Amino acid sequence: MRAGSLRHRLTIQSKNSTGDGMGGMTFSWSDDKTVYGAIWPLRGTERLTAQSLESEITCQIRIRYTADVTPAKRIQRGDSTQCFDIVSVVNPDYRNRELILYCREAL
């Protein structure tokens, strides 16, 4: 993996839940670690549902290998509010050099 293609600063985040005192749960995201990676858009779709236009963007994110990335986490791009839900994690050839994350843009 060439370091020059890893130009996006990405933050891996975990979902936390806390009780609200009335039997419900409140969810928030906390930062785990910051890595650099490459983002490639794969597909964008739009559909009309219940008189509302919904769009979905899927992308591929490549990062250096880190053991704790799972589909239960998400990726935040830089300091922006753009986040990606991780759909699947691929470790090419099981060599622990890089990870390919297939993601969906979170709305």
PDB file of N, CA and C in Angstrom:
ATOM      1  N   MET A   1       0.848  -1.173   0.000  1.00  0.00           N
ATOM      2  CA  MET A   1       0.000   0.000   0.000  1.00  0.00           C
ATOM      3  C   MET A   1       0.889   1.229   0.000  1.00  0.00           C
ATOM      4  N   ARG A   2       0.651   2.092  -0.949  1.00  0.00           N
ATOM      5  CA  ARG A   2       1.452   3.312  -1.073  1.00  0.00           C
ATOM      6  C   ARG A   2       0.936   4.379  -0.108  1.00  0.00           C
ATOM      7  N   ALA A   3       1.828   4.979   0.634  1.00  0.00           N
ATOM      8  CA  ALA A   3       1.448   5.975   1.635  1.00  0.00           C
ATOM      9  C   ALA A   3       0.841   7.224   0.998  1.00  0.00           C
ATOM     10  N   GLY A   4       1.219   7.553  -0.230  1.00  0.00           N
ATOM     11  CA  GLY A   4       0.711   8.759  -0.880  1.00  0.00           C
ATOM     12  C   GLY A   4      -0.781   8.731  -1.154  1.00  0.00           C
ATOM     13  N   SER A   5      -1.351   7.546  -1.300  1.00  0.00           N
ATOM     14  CA  SER A   5      -2.787   7.461  -1.569  1.00  0.00           C
ATOM     15  C   SER A   5      -3.627   7.586  -0.297  1.00  0.00           C
ATOM     16  N   LEU A   6      -3.001   7.507   0.855  1.00  0.00           N
ATOM     17  CA  LEU A   6      -3.719   7.586   2.135  1.00  0.00           C
ATOM     18  C   LEU A   6      -3.782   9.049   2.576  1.00  0.00           C
ATOM     19  N   ARG A   7      -4.585   9.846   1.898  1.00  0.00           N
ATOM     20  CA  ARG A   7      -4.574  11.290   2.136  1.00  0.00           C
ATOM     21  C   ARG A   7      -5.719  11.795   3.000  1.00  0.00           C
ATOM     22  N   HIS A   8      -6.666  10.943   3.335  1.00  0.00           N
ATOM     23  CA  HIS A   8      -7.811  11.368   4.150  1.00  0.00           C
ATOM     24  C   HIS A   8      -7.582  10.997   5.620  1.00  0.00           C
ATOM     25  N   ARG A   9      -7.757  11.965   6.490  1.00  0.00           N
ATOM     26  CA  ARG A   9      -7.663  11.684   7.927  1.00  0.00           C
ATOM     27  C   ARG A   9      -9.014  11.144   8.376  1.00  0.00           C
ATOM     28  N   LEU A  10      -9.022   9.953   8.945  1.00  0.00           N
ATOM     29  CA  LEU A  10     -10.249   9.262   9.319  1.00  0.00           C
ATOM     30  C   LEU A  10     -10.212   8.916  10.799  1.00  0.00           C
ATOM     31  N   THR A  11     -11.361   9.024  11.438  1.00  0.00           N
ATOM     32  CA  THR A  11     -11.476   8.666  12.843  1.00  0.00           C
ATOM     33  C   THR A  11     -12.395   7.465  12.960  1.00  0.00           C
ATOM     34  N   ILE A  12     -11.906   6.411  13.589  1.00  0.00           N
ATOM     35  CA  ILE A  12     -12.724   5.224  13.847  1.00  0.00           C
ATOM     36  C   ILE A  12     -13.470   5.469  15.143  1.00  0.00           C
ATOM     37  N   GLN A  13     -14.798   5.291  15.124  1.00  0.00           N
ATOM     38  CA  GLN A  13     -15.628   5.588  16.290  1.00  0.00           C
ATOM     39  C   GLN A  13     -16.414   4.357  16.732  1.00  0.00           C
ATOM     40  N   SER A  14     -16.637   4.262  18.050  1.00  0.00           N
ATOM     41  CA  SER A  14     -17.437   3.190  18.645  1.00  0.00           C
ATOM     42  C   SER A  14     -18.730   3.757  19.193  1.00  0.00           C
ATOM     43  N   LYS A  15     -19.777   2.946  19.169  1.00  0.00           N
ATOM     44  CA  LYS A  15     -21.085   3.360  19.675  1.00  0.00           C
ATOM     45  C   LYS A  15     -21.164   3.037  21.162  1.00  0.00           C
ATOM     46  N   ASN A  16     -21.567   4.012  21.953  1.00  0.00           N
ATOM     47  CA  ASN A  16     -21.730   3.840  23.395  1.00  0.00           C
ATOM     48  C   ASN A  16     -23.190   4.019  23.753  1.00  0.00           C
ATOM     49  N   SER A  17     -23.641   3.286  24.748  1.00  0.00           N
ATOM     50  CA  SER A  17     -25.014   3.440  25.202  1.00  0.00           C
ATOM     51  C   SER A  17     -25.016   3.707  26.704  1.00  0.00           C
ATOM     52  N   THR A  18     -25.880   4.613  27.105  1.00  0.00           N
ATOM     53  CA  THR A  18     -26.045   4.934  28.518  1.00  0.00           C
ATOM     54  C   THR A  18     -27.528   4.951  28.840  1.00  0.00           C
ATOM     55  N   GLY A  19     -27.867   4.558  30.031  1.00  0.00           N
ATOM     56  CA  GLY A  19     -29.256   4.582  30.465  1.00  0.00           C
ATOM     57  C   GLY A  19     -29.702   6.003  30.751  1.00  0.00           C
ATOM     58  N   ASP A  20     -30.954   6.286  30.412  1.00  0.00           N
ATOM     59  CA  ASP A  20     -31.462   7.643  30.643  1.00  0.00           C
ATOM     60  C   ASP A  20     -32.226   7.763  31.962  1.00  0.00           C
ATOM     61  N   GLY A  21     -32.247   6.706  32.775  1.00  0.00           N
ATOM     62  CA  GLY A  21     -32.904   6.759  34.073  1.00  0.00           C
ATOM     63  C   GLY A  21     -34.384   6.446  34.024  1.00  0.00           C
ATOM     64  N   MET A  22     -34.949   6.296  32.837  1.00  0.00           N
ATOM     65  CA  MET A  22     -36.379   6.007  32.714  1.00  0.00           C
ATOM     66  C   MET A  22     -36.599   4.704  31.945  1.00  0.00           C
ATOM     67  N   GLY A  23     -35.585   3.852  31.880  1.00  0.00           N
ATOM     68  CA  GLY A  23     -35.701   2.577  31.204  1.00  0.00           C
ATOM     69  C   GLY A  23     -35.279   2.608  29.748  1.00  0.00           C
ATOM     70  N   GLY A  24     -34.936   3.750  29.228  1.00  0.00           N
ATOM     71  CA  GLY A  24     -34.494   3.878  27.838  1.00  0.00           C
ATOM     72  C   GLY A  24     -32.988   3.980  27.738  1.00  0.00           C
ATOM     73  N   MET A  25     -32.511   4.031  26.524  1.00  0.00           N
ATOM     74  CA  MET A  25     -31.078   4.118  26.279  1.00  0.00           C
ATOM     75  C   MET A  25     -30.788   5.331  25.395  1.00  0.00           C
ATOM     76  N   THR A  26     -29.661   5.960  25.646  1.00  0.00           N
ATOM     77  CA  THR A  26     -29.172   7.055  24.821  1.00  0.00           C
ATOM     78  C   THR A  26     -27.871   6.599  24.182  1.00  0.00           C
ATOM     79  N   PHE A  27     -27.746   6.794  22.870  1.00  0.00           N
ATOM     80  CA  PHE A  27     -26.560   6.357  22.147  1.00  0.00           C
ATOM     81  C   PHE A  27     -25.713   7.557  21.740  1.00  0.00           C
ATOM     82  N   SER A  28     -24.405   7.371  21.794  1.00  0.00           N
ATOM     83  CA  SER A  28     -23.466   8.401  21.346  1.00  0.00           C
ATOM     84  C   SER A  28     -22.252   7.697  20.748  1.00  0.00           C
ATOM     85  N   TRP A  29     -21.429   8.456  20.041  1.00  0.00           N
ATOM     86  CA  TRP A  29     -20.234   7.906  19.408  1.00  0.00           C
ATOM     87  C   TRP A  29     -18.998   8.487  20.072  1.00  0.00           C
ATOM     88  N   SER A  30     -18.005   7.647  20.322  1.00  0.00           N
ATOM     89  CA  SER A  30     -16.740   8.115  20.891  1.00  0.00           C
ATOM     90  C   SER A  30     -15.593   7.727  19.960  1.00  0.00           C
ATOM     91  N   ASP A  31     -14.565   8.560  19.923  1.00  0.00           N
ATOM     92  CA  ASP A  31     -13.419   8.327  19.046  1.00  0.00           C
ATOM     93  C   ASP A  31     -12.528   7.236  19.617  1.00  0.00           C
ATOM     94  N   ASP A  32     -12.162   6.269  18.761  1.00  0.00           N
ATOM     95  CA  ASP A  32     -11.229   5.213  19.157  1.00  0.00           C
ATOM     96  C   ASP A  32      -9.805   5.561  18.746  1.00  0.00           C
ATOM     97  N   LYS A  33      -9.616   5.782  17.448  1.00  0.00           N
ATOM     98  CA  LYS A  33      -8.279   6.119  16.955  1.00  0.00           C
ATOM     99  C   LYS A  33      -8.399   6.850  15.637  1.00  0.00           C
ATOM    100  N   THR A  34      -7.354   7.581  15.300  1.00  0.00           N
ATOM    101  CA  THR A  34      -7.295   8.311  14.042  1.00  0.00           C
ATOM    102  C   THR A  34      -6.288   7.624  13.135  1.00  0.00           C
ATOM    103  N   VAL A  35      -6.698   7.383  11.893  1.00  0.00           N
ATOM    104  CA  VAL A  35      -5.847   6.730  10.896  1.00  0.00           C
ATOM    105  C   VAL A  35      -5.931   7.530   9.598  1.00  0.00           C
ATOM    106  N   TYR A  36      -5.073   7.205   8.655  1.00  0.00           N
ATOM    107  CA  TYR A  36      -5.142   7.807   7.331  1.00  0.00           C
ATOM    108  C   TYR A  36      -5.552   6.739   6.336  1.00  0.00           C
ATOM    109  N   GLY A  37      -6.374   7.131   5.367  1.00  0.00           N
ATOM    110  CA  GLY A  37      -6.862   6.165   4.405  1.00  0.00           C
ATOM    111  C   GLY A  37      -7.256   6.819   3.095  1.00  0.00           C
ATOM    112  N   ALA A  38      -7.661   5.975   2.154  1.00  0.00           N
ATOM    113  CA  ALA A  38      -8.119   6.409   0.841  1.00  0.00           C
ATOM    114  C   ALA A  38      -9.599   6.068   0.709  1.00  0.00           C
ATOM    115  N   ILE A  39     -10.370   6.984   0.150  1.00  0.00           N
ATOM    116  CA  ILE A  39     -11.810   6.786  -0.026  1.00  0.00           C
ATOM    117  C   ILE A  39     -12.123   6.802  -1.513  1.00  0.00           C
ATOM    118  N   TRP A  40     -12.823   5.769  -1.994  1.00  0.00           N
ATOM    119  CA  TRP A  40     -13.276   5.705  -3.382  1.00  0.00           C
ATOM    120  C   TRP A  40     -14.785   5.497  -3.402  1.00  0.00           C
ATOM    121  N   PRO A  41     -15.520   6.423  -3.990  1.00  0.00           N
ATOM    122  CA  PRO A  41     -16.964   6.212  -4.145  1.00  0.00           C
ATOM    123  C   PRO A  41     -17.207   5.052  -5.107  1.00  0.00           C
ATOM    124  N   LEU A  42     -18.165   4.189  -4.771  1.00  0.00           N
ATOM    125  CA  LEU A  42     -18.486   3.057  -5.626  1.00  0.00           C
ATOM    126  C   LEU A  42     -19.796   3.252  -6.374  1.00  0.00           C
ATOM    127  N   ARG A  43     -20.825   3.707  -5.642  1.00  0.00           N
ATOM    128  CA  ARG A  43     -22.143   3.810  -6.251  1.00  0.00           C
ATOM    129  C   ARG A  43     -22.986   4.806  -5.483  1.00  0.00           C
ATOM    130  N   GLY A  44     -23.831   5.487  -6.207  1.00  0.00           N
ATOM    131  CA  GLY A  44     -24.796   6.385  -5.594  1.00  0.00           C
ATOM    132  C   GLY A  44     -26.173   6.063  -6.151  1.00  0.00           C
ATOM    133  N   THR A  45     -27.163   5.980  -5.284  1.00  0.00           N
ATOM    134  CA  THR A  45     -28.526   5.682  -5.732  1.00  0.00           C
ATOM    135  C   THR A  45     -29.494   6.663  -5.090  1.00  0.00           C
ATOM    136  N   GLU A  46     -30.599   6.874  -5.758  1.00  0.00           N
ATOM    137  CA  GLU A  46     -31.682   7.691  -5.214  1.00  0.00           C
ATOM    138  C   GLU A  46     -32.982   6.934  -5.410  1.00  0.00           C
ATOM    139  N   ARG A  47     -33.881   7.044  -4.442  1.00  0.00           N
ATOM    140  CA  ARG A  47     -35.182   6.397  -4.569  1.00  0.00           C
ATOM    141  C   ARG A  47     -36.226   7.258  -3.881  1.00  0.00           C
ATOM    142  N   LEU A  48     -37.425   7.148  -4.370  1.00  0.00           N
ATOM    143  CA  LEU A  48     -38.545   7.895  -3.812  1.00  0.00           C
ATOM    144  C   LEU A  48     -39.328   6.958  -2.906  1.00  0.00           C
ATOM    145  N   THR A  49     -39.365   7.281  -1.625  1.00  0.00           N
ATOM    146  CA  THR A  49     -40.056   6.465  -0.638  1.00  0.00           C
ATOM    147  C   THR A  49     -40.957   7.360   0.195  1.00  0.00           C
ATOM    148  N   ALA A  50     -42.245   7.050   0.224  1.00  0.00           N
ATOM    149  CA  ALA A  50     -43.217   7.794   1.026  1.00  0.00           C
ATOM    150  C   ALA A  50     -43.132   9.294   0.740  1.00  0.00           C
ATOM    151  N   GLN A  51     -43.125   9.650  -0.518  1.00  0.00           N
ATOM    152  CA  GLN A  51     -43.064  11.041  -0.968  1.00  0.00           C
ATOM    153  C   GLN A  51     -41.807  11.765  -0.488  1.00  0.00           C
ATOM    154  N   SER A  52     -40.743  11.001  -0.265  1.00  0.00           N
ATOM    155  CA  SER A  52     -39.482  11.577   0.187  1.00  0.00           C
ATOM    156  C   SER A  52     -38.347  10.983  -0.640  1.00  0.00           C
ATOM    157  N   LEU A  53     -37.443  11.813  -1.097  1.00  0.00           N
ATOM    158  CA  LEU A  53     -36.310  11.354  -1.885  1.00  0.00           C
ATOM    159  C   LEU A  53     -35.187  10.945  -0.943  1.00  0.00           C
ATOM    160  N   GLU A  54     -34.767   9.688  -1.055  1.00  0.00           N
ATOM    161  CA  GLU A  54     -33.681   9.173  -0.235  1.00  0.00           C
ATOM    162  C   GLU A  54     -32.496   8.861  -1.142  1.00  0.00           C
ATOM    163  N   SER A  55     -31.321   9.251  -0.721  1.00  0.00           N
ATOM    164  CA  SER A  55     -30.122   8.933  -1.497  1.00  0.00           C
ATOM    165  C   SER A  55     -29.179   8.102  -0.638  1.00  0.00           C
ATOM    166  N   GLU A  56     -28.407   7.264  -1.304  1.00  0.00           N
ATOM    167  CA  GLU A  56     -27.445   6.418  -0.601  1.00  0.00           C
ATOM    168  C   GLU A  56     -26.158   6.396  -1.406  1.00  0.00           C
ATOM    169  N   ILE A  57     -25.053   6.603  -0.738  1.00  0.00           N
ATOM    170  CA  ILE A  57     -23.743   6.566  -1.376  1.00  0.00           C
ATOM    171  C   ILE A  57     -22.946   5.445  -0.719  1.00  0.00           C
ATOM    172  N   THR A  58     -22.421   4.539  -1.530  1.00  0.00           N
ATOM    173  CA  THR A  58     -21.561   3.489  -1.006  1.00  0.00           C
ATOM    174  C   THR A  58     -20.135   3.780  -1.448  1.00  0.00           C
ATOM    175  N   CYS A  59     -19.184   3.400  -0.622  1.00  0.00           N
ATOM    176  CA  CYS A  59     -17.788   3.670  -0.944  1.00  0.00           C
ATOM    177  C   CYS A  59     -16.889   2.575  -0.386  1.00  0.00           C
ATOM    178  N   GLN A  60     -15.664   2.607  -0.845  1.00  0.00           N
ATOM    179  CA  GLN A  60     -14.635   1.694  -0.378  1.00  0.00           C
ATOM    180  C   GLN A  60     -13.560   2.543   0.295  1.00  0.00           C
ATOM    181  N   ILE A  61     -13.175   2.146   1.494  1.00  0.00           N
ATOM    182  CA  ILE A  61     -12.136   2.855   2.241  1.00  0.00           C
ATOM    183  C   ILE A  61     -10.999   1.875   2.508  1.00  0.00           C
ATOM    184  N   ARG A  62      -9.784   2.283   2.176  1.00  0.00           N
ATOM    185  CA  ARG A  62      -8.602   1.450   2.444  1.00  0.00           C
ATOM    186  C   ARG A  62      -7.773   2.119   3.533  1.00  0.00           C
ATOM    187  N   ILE A  63      -7.418   1.341   4.550  1.00  0.00           N
ATOM    188  CA  ILE A  63      -6.571   1.822   5.644  1.00  0.00           C
ATOM    189  C   ILE A  63      -5.513   0.771   5.936  1.00  0.00           C
ATOM    190  N   ARG A  64      -4.498   1.173   6.664  1.00  0.00           N
ATOM    191  CA  ARG A  64      -3.516   0.187   7.136  1.00  0.00           C
ATOM    192  C   ARG A  64      -4.203  -0.718   8.155  1.00  0.00           C
ATOM    193  N   TYR A  65      -3.684  -1.920   8.316  1.00  0.00           N
ATOM    194  CA  TYR A  65      -4.310  -2.916   9.182  1.00  0.00           C
ATOM    195  C   TYR A  65      -4.369  -2.440  10.632  1.00  0.00           C
ATOM    196  N   THR A  66      -5.514  -2.607  11.222  1.00  0.00           N
ATOM    197  CA  THR A  66      -5.704  -2.428  12.659  1.00  0.00           C
ATOM    198  C   THR A  66      -6.715  -3.482  13.094  1.00  0.00           C
ATOM    199  N   ALA A  67      -6.463  -4.133  14.205  1.00  0.00           N
ATOM    200  CA  ALA A  67      -7.220  -5.329  14.572  1.00  0.00           C
ATOM    201  C   ALA A  67      -8.643  -5.069  15.052  1.00  0.00           C
ATOM    202  N   ASP A  68      -8.948  -3.878  15.509  1.00  0.00           N
ATOM    203  CA  ASP A  68     -10.225  -3.673  16.183  1.00  0.00           C
ATOM    204  C   ASP A  68     -11.306  -3.011  15.326  1.00  0.00           C
ATOM    205  N   VAL A  69     -11.219  -3.093  14.014  1.00  0.00           N
ATOM    206  CA  VAL A  69     -12.242  -2.505  13.154  1.00  0.00           C
ATOM    207  C   VAL A  69     -13.292  -3.568  12.833  1.00  0.00           C
ATOM    208  N   THR A  70     -14.553  -3.278  13.165  1.00  0.00           N
ATOM    209  CA  THR A  70     -15.661  -4.200  12.925  1.00  0.00           C
ATOM    210  C   THR A  70     -16.836  -3.432  12.332  1.00  0.00           C
ATOM    211  N   PRO A  71     -17.830  -4.132  11.789  1.00  0.00           N
ATOM    212  CA  PRO A  71     -19.019  -3.451  11.274  1.00  0.00           C
ATOM    213  C   PRO A  71     -19.846  -2.733  12.351  1.00  0.00           C
ATOM    214  N   ALA A  72     -19.543  -2.938  13.613  1.00  0.00           N
ATOM    215  CA  ALA A  72     -20.250  -2.237  14.683  1.00  0.00           C
ATOM    216  C   ALA A  72     -19.739  -0.808  14.860  1.00  0.00           C
ATOM    217  N   LYS A  73     -18.674  -0.462  14.170  1.00  0.00           N
ATOM    218  CA  LYS A  73     -18.075   0.868  14.288  1.00  0.00           C
ATOM    219  C   LYS A  73     -18.405   1.702  13.068  1.00  0.00           C
ATOM    220  N   ARG A  74     -17.968   2.953  13.090  1.00  0.00           N
ATOM    221  CA  ARG A  74     -18.154   3.826  11.937  1.00  0.00           C
ATOM    222  C   ARG A  74     -16.898   4.661  11.736  1.00  0.00           C
ATOM    223  N   ILE A  75     -16.834   5.300  10.565  1.00  0.00           N
ATOM    224  CA  ILE A  75     -15.692   6.125  10.189  1.00  0.00           C
ATOM    225  C   ILE A  75     -16.172   7.560  10.016  1.00  0.00           C
ATOM    226  N   GLN A  76     -15.464   8.511  10.626  1.00  0.00           N
ATOM    227  CA  GLN A  76     -15.746   9.932  10.418  1.00  0.00           C
ATOM    228  C   GLN A  76     -14.594  10.512   9.617  1.00  0.00           C
ATOM    229  N   ARG A  77     -14.920  11.287   8.578  1.00  0.00           N
ATOM    230  CA  ARG A  77     -13.896  11.864   7.702  1.00  0.00           C
ATOM    231  C   ARG A  77     -13.436  13.209   8.236  1.00  0.00           C
ATOM    232  N   GLY A  78     -12.182  13.289   8.632  1.00  0.00           N
ATOM    233  CA  GLY A  78     -11.583  14.543   9.098  1.00  0.00           C
ATOM    234  C   GLY A  78     -12.359  15.177  10.222  1.00  0.00           C
ATOM    235  N   ASP A  79     -12.467  16.503  10.167  1.00  0.00           N
ATOM    236  CA  ASP A  79     -13.238  17.234  11.170  1.00  0.00           C
ATOM    237  C   ASP A  79     -14.655  17.497  10.691  1.00  0.00           C
ATOM    238  N   SER A  80     -15.025  16.932   9.556  1.00  0.00           N
ATOM    239  CA  SER A  80     -16.354  17.182   8.990  1.00  0.00           C
ATOM    240  C   SER A  80     -17.406  16.333   9.704  1.00  0.00           C
ATOM    241  N   THR A  81     -18.635  16.542   9.323  1.00  0.00           N
ATOM    242  CA  THR A  81     -19.727  15.751   9.884  1.00  0.00           C
ATOM    243  C   THR A  81     -20.034  14.543   9.018  1.00  0.00           C
ATOM    244  N   GLN A  82     -19.241  14.313   7.976  1.00  0.00           N
ATOM    245  CA  GLN A  82     -19.475  13.175   7.086  1.00  0.00           C
ATOM    246  C   GLN A  82     -19.007  11.889   7.760  1.00  0.00           C
ATOM    247  N   CYS A  83     -19.939  10.947   7.909  1.00  0.00           N
ATOM    248  CA  CYS A  83     -19.646   9.673   8.552  1.00  0.00           C
ATOM    249  C   CYS A  83     -20.059   8.527   7.640  1.00  0.00           C
ATOM    250  N   PHE A  84     -19.384   7.407   7.799  1.00  0.00           N
ATOM    251  CA  PHE A  84     -19.655   6.213   7.010  1.00  0.00           C
ATOM    252  C   PHE A  84     -19.905   5.039   7.952  1.00  0.00           C
ATOM    253  N   ASP A  85     -21.026   4.347   7.762  1.00  0.00           N
ATOM    254  CA  ASP A  85     -21.301   3.119   8.497  1.00  0.00           C
ATOM    255  C   ASP A  85     -20.557   1.980   7.810  1.00  0.00           C
ATOM    256  N   ILE A  86     -19.836   1.183   8.575  1.00  0.00           N
ATOM    257  CA  ILE A  86     -19.076   0.071   8.013  1.00  0.00           C
ATOM    258  C   ILE A  86     -20.025  -1.094   7.775  1.00  0.00           C
ATOM    259  N   VAL A  87     -20.083  -1.563   6.529  1.00  0.00           N
ATOM    260  CA  VAL A  87     -20.934  -2.694   6.173  1.00  0.00           C
ATOM    261  C   VAL A  87     -20.142  -3.990   6.278  1.00  0.00           C
ATOM    262  N   SER A  88     -18.917  -4.008   5.759  1.00  0.00           N
ATOM    263  CA  SER A  88     -18.073  -5.196   5.866  1.00  0.00           C
ATOM    264  C   SER A  88     -16.602  -4.800   5.885  1.00  0.00           C
ATOM    265  N   VAL A  89     -15.793  -5.686   6.457  1.00  0.00           N
ATOM    266  CA  VAL A  89     -14.348  -5.468   6.589  1.00  0.00           C
ATOM    267  C   VAL A  89     -13.638  -6.632   5.908  1.00  0.00           C
ATOM    268  N   VAL A  90     -12.716  -6.317   5.005  1.00  0.00           N
ATOM    269  CA  VAL A  90     -11.968  -7.348   4.273  1.00  0.00           C
ATOM    270  C   VAL A  90     -10.481  -7.180   4.558  1.00  0.00           C
ATOM    271  N   ASN A  91      -9.833  -8.283   4.937  1.00  0.00           N
ATOM    272  CA  ASN A  91      -8.386  -8.326   5.138  1.00  0.00           C
ATOM    273  C   ASN A  91      -7.803  -9.093   3.944  1.00  0.00           C
ATOM    274  N   PRO A  92      -7.326  -8.371   2.887  1.00  0.00           N
ATOM    275  CA  PRO A  92      -6.874  -9.060   1.665  1.00  0.00           C
ATOM    276  C   PRO A  92      -5.766 -10.073   1.951  1.00  0.00           C
ATOM    277  N   ASP A  93      -5.958 -11.274   1.468  1.00  0.00           N
ATOM    278  CA  ASP A  93      -4.997 -12.376   1.591  1.00  0.00           C
ATOM    279  C   ASP A  93      -4.631 -12.700   3.043  1.00  0.00           C
ATOM    280  N   TYR A  94      -5.364 -12.169   4.006  1.00  0.00           N
ATOM    281  CA  TYR A  94      -5.115 -12.406   5.437  1.00  0.00           C
ATOM    282  C   TYR A  94      -3.659 -12.139   5.813  1.00  0.00           C
ATOM    283  N   ARG A  95      -3.103 -11.061   5.231  1.00  0.00           N
ATOM    284  CA  ARG A  95      -1.702 -10.729   5.482  1.00  0.00           C
ATOM    285  C   ARG A  95      -1.535  -9.644   6.533  1.00  0.00           C
ATOM    286  N   ASN A  96      -2.626  -9.085   7.039  1.00  0.00           N
ATOM    287  CA  ASN A  96      -2.592  -8.057   8.082  1.00  0.00           C
ATOM    288  C   ASN A  96      -1.752  -6.846   7.686  1.00  0.00           C
ATOM    289  N   ARG A  97      -1.885  -6.429   6.421  1.00  0.00           N
ATOM    290  CA  ARG A  97      -1.186  -5.235   5.947  1.00  0.00           C
ATOM    291  C   ARG A  97      -2.145  -4.076   5.740  1.00  0.00           C
ATOM    292  N   GLU A  98      -3.337  -4.375   5.247  1.00  0.00           N
ATOM    293  CA  GLU A  98      -4.321  -3.342   4.988  1.00  0.00           C
ATOM    294  C   GLU A  98      -5.714  -3.911   5.194  1.00  0.00           C
ATOM    295  N   LEU A  99      -6.677  -3.020   5.343  1.00  0.00           N
ATOM    296  CA  LEU A  99      -8.079  -3.400   5.434  1.00  0.00           C
ATOM    297  C   LEU A  99      -8.839  -2.652   4.355  1.00  0.00           C
ATOM    298  N   ILE A 100      -9.798  -3.333   3.755  1.00  0.00           N
ATOM    299  CA  ILE A 100     -10.719  -2.711   2.821  1.00  0.00           C
ATOM    300  C   ILE A 100     -12.071  -2.679   3.516  1.00  0.00           C
ATOM    301  N   LEU A 101     -12.602  -1.487   3.712  1.00  0.00           N
ATOM    302  CA  LEU A 101     -13.883  -1.310   4.382  1.00  0.00           C
ATOM    303  C   LEU A 101     -14.917  -0.912   3.343  1.00  0.00           C
ATOM    304  N   TYR A 102     -15.981  -1.689   3.235  1.00  0.00           N
ATOM    305  CA  TYR A 102     -17.090  -1.318   2.369  1.00  0.00           C
ATOM    306  C   TYR A 102     -18.097  -0.601   3.260  1.00  0.00           C
ATOM    307  N   CYS A 103     -18.422   0.628   2.890  1.00  0.00           N
ATOM    308  CA  CYS A 103     -19.194   1.502   3.771  1.00  0.00           C
ATOM    309  C   CYS A 103     -20.384   2.128   3.045  1.00  0.00           C
ATOM    310  N   ARG A 104     -21.295   2.601   3.853  1.00  0.00           N
ATOM    311  CA  ARG A 104     -22.470   3.353   3.381  1.00  0.00           C
ATOM    312  C   ARG A 104     -22.449   4.679   4.110  1.00  0.00           C
ATOM    313  N   GLU A 105     -22.665   5.751   3.372  1.00  0.00           N
ATOM    314  CA  GLU A 105     -22.647   7.066   3.998  1.00  0.00           C
ATOM    315  C   GLU A 105     -23.812   7.194   4.977  1.00  0.00           C
ATOM    316  N   ALA A 106     -23.511   7.571   6.209  1.00  0.00           N
ATOM    317  CA  ALA A 106     -24.541   7.728   7.238  1.00  0.00           C
ATOM    318  C   ALA A 106     -25.238   9.057   7.059  1.00  0.00           C
ATOM    319  N   LEU A 107     -26.542   9.043   7.201  1.00  0.00           N
ATOM    320  CA  LEU A 107     -27.313  10.295   7.039  1.00  0.00           C
ATOM    321  C   LEU A 107     -27.700  10.872   8.369  1.00  0.00           C
TER     322      LEU A 107
END
